């Protein structure tokens, strides 16, 4: 599974997703979206997340998911062993 995480480290919901991935050894590519520069409002990012918020994830270049709670639940079920302690 190829996972991309679109995040701004200044955003608490973004940090929650990044921490879950790092703490559980999930391999991912971090794509930084700088909220202060308005990068979340770009047409390119809107194609990934129509809500124009961070975080968002893309799985295998096809499946996209946004809203941190939904992302955390997805990751906890998609990767064995995570659900027991998250």
C-alpha atoms as a PDB file:
ATOM      1  CA  UNK A   1       0.000   0.000   0.000  1.00  0.00           C
ATOM      2  CA  UNK A   2       1.464   3.352  -1.050  1.00  0.00           C
ATOM      3  CA  UNK A   3       0.324   6.051   1.365  1.00  0.00           C
ATOM      4  CA  UNK A   4       0.627   9.821   0.938  1.00  0.00           C
ATOM      5  CA  UNK A   5      -0.216  12.087   3.864  1.00  0.00           C
ATOM      6  CA  UNK A   6      -1.018  15.703   3.033  1.00  0.00           C
ATOM      7  CA  UNK A   7      -0.388  17.702   6.198  1.00  0.00           C
ATOM      8  CA  UNK A   8       0.745  20.918   7.826  1.00  0.00           C
ATOM      9  CA  UNK A   9       2.754  20.198  10.965  1.00  0.00           C
ATOM     10  CA  UNK A  10       1.279  23.308  12.592  1.00  0.00           C
ATOM     11  CA  UNK A  11      -2.140  21.652  12.441  1.00  0.00           C
ATOM     12  CA  UNK A  12      -3.000  19.423  15.420  1.00  0.00           C
ATOM     13  CA  UNK A  13      -5.164  17.047  13.333  1.00  0.00           C
ATOM     14  CA  UNK A  14      -2.270  16.680  10.872  1.00  0.00           C
ATOM     15  CA  UNK A  15       0.135  15.889  13.695  1.00  0.00           C
ATOM     16  CA  UNK A  16      -2.215  13.200  15.027  1.00  0.00           C
ATOM     17  CA  UNK A  17      -2.115  11.376  11.684  1.00  0.00           C
ATOM     18  CA  UNK A  18       1.657  11.787  11.319  1.00  0.00           C
ATOM     19  CA  UNK A  19       2.286  10.550  14.870  1.00  0.00           C
ATOM     20  CA  UNK A  20       0.077   7.487  14.391  1.00  0.00           C
ATOM     21  CA  UNK A  21       1.974   6.604  11.207  1.00  0.00           C
ATOM     22  CA  UNK A  22       5.423   7.124  12.717  1.00  0.00           C
ATOM     23  CA  UNK A  23       4.635   5.417  16.038  1.00  0.00           C
ATOM     24  CA  UNK A  24       3.370   2.335  14.226  1.00  0.00           C
ATOM     25  CA  UNK A  25       6.044   2.100  11.544  1.00  0.00           C
ATOM     26  CA  UNK A  26       3.686   2.846   8.663  1.00  0.00           C
ATOM     27  CA  UNK A  27       5.646   3.827   5.574  1.00  0.00           C
ATOM     28  CA  UNK A  28       4.279   6.985   4.000  1.00  0.00           C
ATOM     29  CA  UNK A  29       5.219  10.001   1.939  1.00  0.00           C
ATOM     30  CA  UNK A  30       4.534  13.308   3.655  1.00  0.00           C
ATOM     31  CA  UNK A  31       3.359  16.093   1.364  1.00  0.00           C
ATOM     32  CA  UNK A  32       3.554  19.381   3.204  1.00  0.00           C
ATOM     33  CA  UNK A  33       0.654  21.747   2.617  1.00  0.00           C
ATOM     34  CA  UNK A  34       1.480  25.153   4.071  1.00  0.00           C
ATOM     35  CA  UNK A  35      -1.712  26.685   5.394  1.00  0.00           C
ATOM     36  CA  UNK A  36      -0.027  30.052   6.032  1.00  0.00           C
ATOM     37  CA  UNK A  37       0.754  30.318   2.318  1.00  0.00           C
ATOM     38  CA  UNK A  38      -2.758  29.273   1.298  1.00  0.00           C
ATOM     39  CA  UNK A  39      -1.581  26.078  -0.413  1.00  0.00           C
ATOM     40  CA  UNK A  40      -4.717  24.300   0.813  1.00  0.00           C
ATOM     41  CA  UNK A  41      -6.800  26.575  -1.435  1.00  0.00           C
ATOM     42  CA  UNK A  42      -4.995  25.635  -4.649  1.00  0.00           C
ATOM     43  CA  UNK A  43      -6.913  23.810  -7.400  1.00  0.00           C
ATOM     44  CA  UNK A  44      -4.397  20.942  -7.158  1.00  0.00           C
ATOM     45  CA  UNK A  45      -5.122  20.395  -3.475  1.00  0.00           C
ATOM     46  CA  UNK A  46      -8.863  20.918  -3.935  1.00  0.00           C
ATOM     47  CA  UNK A  47      -8.766  17.913  -6.302  1.00  0.00           C
ATOM     48  CA  UNK A  48      -7.447  15.855  -3.363  1.00  0.00           C
ATOM     49  CA  UNK A  49      -9.672  17.362  -0.667  1.00  0.00           C
ATOM     50  CA  UNK A  50     -12.683  19.408  -1.818  1.00  0.00           C
ATOM     51  CA  UNK A  51     -13.051  20.700   1.767  1.00  0.00           C
ATOM     52  CA  UNK A  52      -9.595  22.352   1.374  1.00  0.00           C
ATOM     53  CA  UNK A  53      -8.457  21.266   4.839  1.00  0.00           C
ATOM     54  CA  UNK A  54      -5.582  19.211   6.205  1.00  0.00           C
ATOM     55  CA  UNK A  55      -4.929  16.398   6.766  1.00  0.00           C
ATOM     56  CA  UNK A  56      -5.847  14.211   3.832  1.00  0.00           C
ATOM     57  CA  UNK A  57      -4.472  10.897   2.606  1.00  0.00           C
ATOM     58  CA  UNK A  58      -4.174   9.207  -0.759  1.00  0.00           C
ATOM     59  CA  UNK A  59      -3.816   5.436  -0.974  1.00  0.00           C
ATOM     60  CA  UNK A  60      -2.280   3.822  -4.055  1.00  0.00           C
ATOM     61  CA  UNK A  61      -2.985   6.960  -6.092  1.00  0.00           C
ATOM     62  CA  UNK A  62      -6.723   6.202  -6.138  1.00  0.00           C
ATOM     63  CA  UNK A  63      -8.478   6.275  -2.781  1.00  0.00           C
ATOM     64  CA  UNK A  64      -8.596   9.626  -0.971  1.00  0.00           C
ATOM     65  CA  UNK A  65      -9.807  10.331   2.532  1.00  0.00           C
ATOM     66  CA  UNK A  66      -9.937  13.473   4.637  1.00  0.00           C
ATOM     67  CA  UNK A  67     -10.973  14.469   8.169  1.00  0.00           C
ATOM     68  CA  UNK A  68      -8.450  13.315  10.763  1.00  0.00           C
ATOM     69  CA  UNK A  69     -10.845  11.095  12.722  1.00  0.00           C
ATOM     70  CA  UNK A  70     -11.819   9.172   9.582  1.00  0.00           C
ATOM     71  CA  UNK A  71      -8.153   8.858   8.577  1.00  0.00           C
ATOM     72  CA  UNK A  72      -7.123   7.557  12.008  1.00  0.00           C
ATOM     73  CA  UNK A  73      -9.929   4.974  12.000  1.00  0.00           C
ATOM     74  CA  UNK A  74      -9.030   3.868   8.477  1.00  0.00           C
ATOM     75  CA  UNK A  75      -5.338   3.461   9.311  1.00  0.00           C
ATOM     76  CA  UNK A  76      -6.128   1.584  12.526  1.00  0.00           C
ATOM     77  CA  UNK A  77      -8.130  -0.992  10.572  1.00  0.00           C
ATOM     78  CA  UNK A  78      -5.934  -1.102   7.447  1.00  0.00           C
ATOM     79  CA  UNK A  79      -2.740  -1.987   9.322  1.00  0.00           C
ATOM     80  CA  UNK A  80      -2.736  -5.066  11.586  1.00  0.00           C
ATOM     81  CA  UNK A  81      -1.949  -4.525  15.248  1.00  0.00           C
ATOM     82  CA  UNK A  82      -2.738  -0.825  15.418  1.00  0.00           C
ATOM     83  CA  UNK A  83      -6.373  -1.126  16.489  1.00  0.00           C
ATOM     84  CA  UNK A  84      -5.414  -2.770  19.782  1.00  0.00           C
ATOM     85  CA  UNK A  85      -3.723   0.316  21.190  1.00  0.00           C
ATOM     86  CA  UNK A  86      -5.167   3.246  19.239  1.00  0.00           C
END
